[in-house]
Amino acid sequence: MRANQDLYPVSAMCRLLDVSAAGFYHWQDRPLSARARRDVEVLALIHEVYGRSDSTYGAPPCTGSYASRTGYVWDASGWLA
């Protein structure tokens, strides 16, 4: 919904998706969760590894403390899909 706010009224999108406008605005103002913040870090690491490897490697070489999330973050981001 956030990505389409400039195109469509929030009230219409809320009706279509059967959510309350108040709930949407509450969600929008909420800070990122710890997992979401970590996913941002993991995606940044993937981009860094990809850049250092002359655009050859991405998620697979990202190991260590990030290993459990790299595959998920790589897939969920849609980056180079």
Protein backbone atom coordinates (compact mmCIF):
# COMPACT_ATOMS: atom_id res chain seq x y z
CA MET A 1 0.00 0.00 0.00
CA ARG A 2 2.82 2.37 0.83
CA ALA A 3 4.24 2.07 -2.68
CA ASN A 4 0.87 2.97 -4.21
CA GLN A 5 -0.15 5.82 -1.90
CA ASP A 6 0.59 8.41 -4.58
CA LEU A 7 -1.54 6.57 -7.14
CA TYR A 8 -4.59 5.49 -5.13
CA PRO A 9 -6.41 6.77 -2.05
CA VAL A 10 -5.45 4.91 1.12
CA SER A 11 -9.12 4.51 2.03
CA ALA A 12 -9.84 2.70 -1.26
CA MET A 13 -6.84 0.38 -0.87
CA CYS A 14 -7.85 -0.39 2.73
CA ARG A 15 -11.37 -1.27 1.64
CA LEU A 16 -10.06 -3.49 -1.16
CA LEU A 17 -7.62 -5.28 1.15
CA ASP A 18 -10.08 -5.39 4.07
CA VAL A 19 -7.80 -3.58 6.53
CA SER A 20 -8.47 -0.48 8.59
CA ALA A 21 -6.88 2.81 7.63
CA ALA A 22 -5.94 3.33 11.29
CA GLY A 23 -4.14 -0.03 11.31
CA PHE A 24 -2.27 0.88 8.13
CA TYR A 25 -1.11 4.22 9.52
CA HIS A 26 -0.12 2.58 12.82
CA TRP A 27 1.92 -0.04 10.91
CA GLN A 28 3.50 2.63 8.70
CA ASP A 29 4.78 4.63 11.69
CA ARG A 30 6.15 1.58 13.50
CA PRO A 31 9.96 1.20 13.55
CA LEU A 32 11.55 -1.77 11.81
CA SER A 33 11.69 -4.97 13.82
CA ALA A 34 15.02 -6.44 14.88
CA ARG A 35 14.70 -9.11 12.15
CA ALA A 36 13.92 -6.51 9.48
CA ARG A 37 16.94 -4.42 10.55
CA ARG A 38 19.13 -7.53 10.36
CA ASP A 39 17.74 -8.34 6.91
CA VAL A 40 18.75 -4.86 5.75
CA GLU A 41 22.28 -5.57 7.03
CA VAL A 42 22.35 -8.95 5.28
CA LEU A 43 21.22 -7.43 1.97
CA ALA A 44 23.92 -4.77 2.27
CA LEU A 45 26.47 -7.55 2.84
CA ILE A 46 25.22 -9.41 -0.23
CA HIS A 47 25.59 -6.26 -2.32
CA GLU A 48 29.10 -5.71 -0.94
CA VAL A 49 30.21 -9.28 -1.71
CA TYR A 50 28.67 -9.03 -5.18
CA GLY A 51 30.55 -5.80 -5.89
CA ARG A 52 33.90 -7.11 -4.60
CA SER A 53 33.58 -10.27 -6.68
CA ASP A 54 33.24 -8.43 -10.00
CA SER A 55 29.50 -9.21 -10.03
CA THR A 56 30.11 -12.95 -9.78
CA TYR A 57 29.01 -13.96 -6.28
CA GLY A 58 26.08 -12.87 -4.15
CA ALA A 59 24.37 -14.68 -1.29
CA PRO A 60 26.26 -18.02 -1.28
CA PRO A 61 29.62 -16.64 -0.02
CA CYS A 62 27.93 -14.64 2.76
CA THR A 63 28.51 -16.90 5.72
CA GLY A 64 29.21 -16.58 9.41
CA SER A 65 26.59 -14.97 11.62
CA TYR A 66 24.50 -14.07 8.57
CA ALA A 67 24.42 -17.54 7.01
CA SER A 68 20.95 -18.48 8.20
CA ARG A 69 19.30 -15.46 6.56
CA THR A 70 21.23 -14.90 3.33
CA GLY A 71 19.18 -17.25 1.15
CA TYR A 72 15.89 -15.88 2.42
CA VAL A 73 16.94 -12.24 2.09
CA TRP A 74 18.39 -12.87 -1.38
CA ASP A 75 15.11 -14.48 -2.57
CA ALA A 76 12.80 -12.00 -0.82
CA SER A 77 14.62 -8.96 -2.18
CA GLY A 78 14.08 -10.03 -5.78
CA TRP A 79 17.53 -8.64 -6.51
CA LEU A 80 19.00 -10.25 -9.63
CA ALA A 81 16.18 -12.75 -9.75
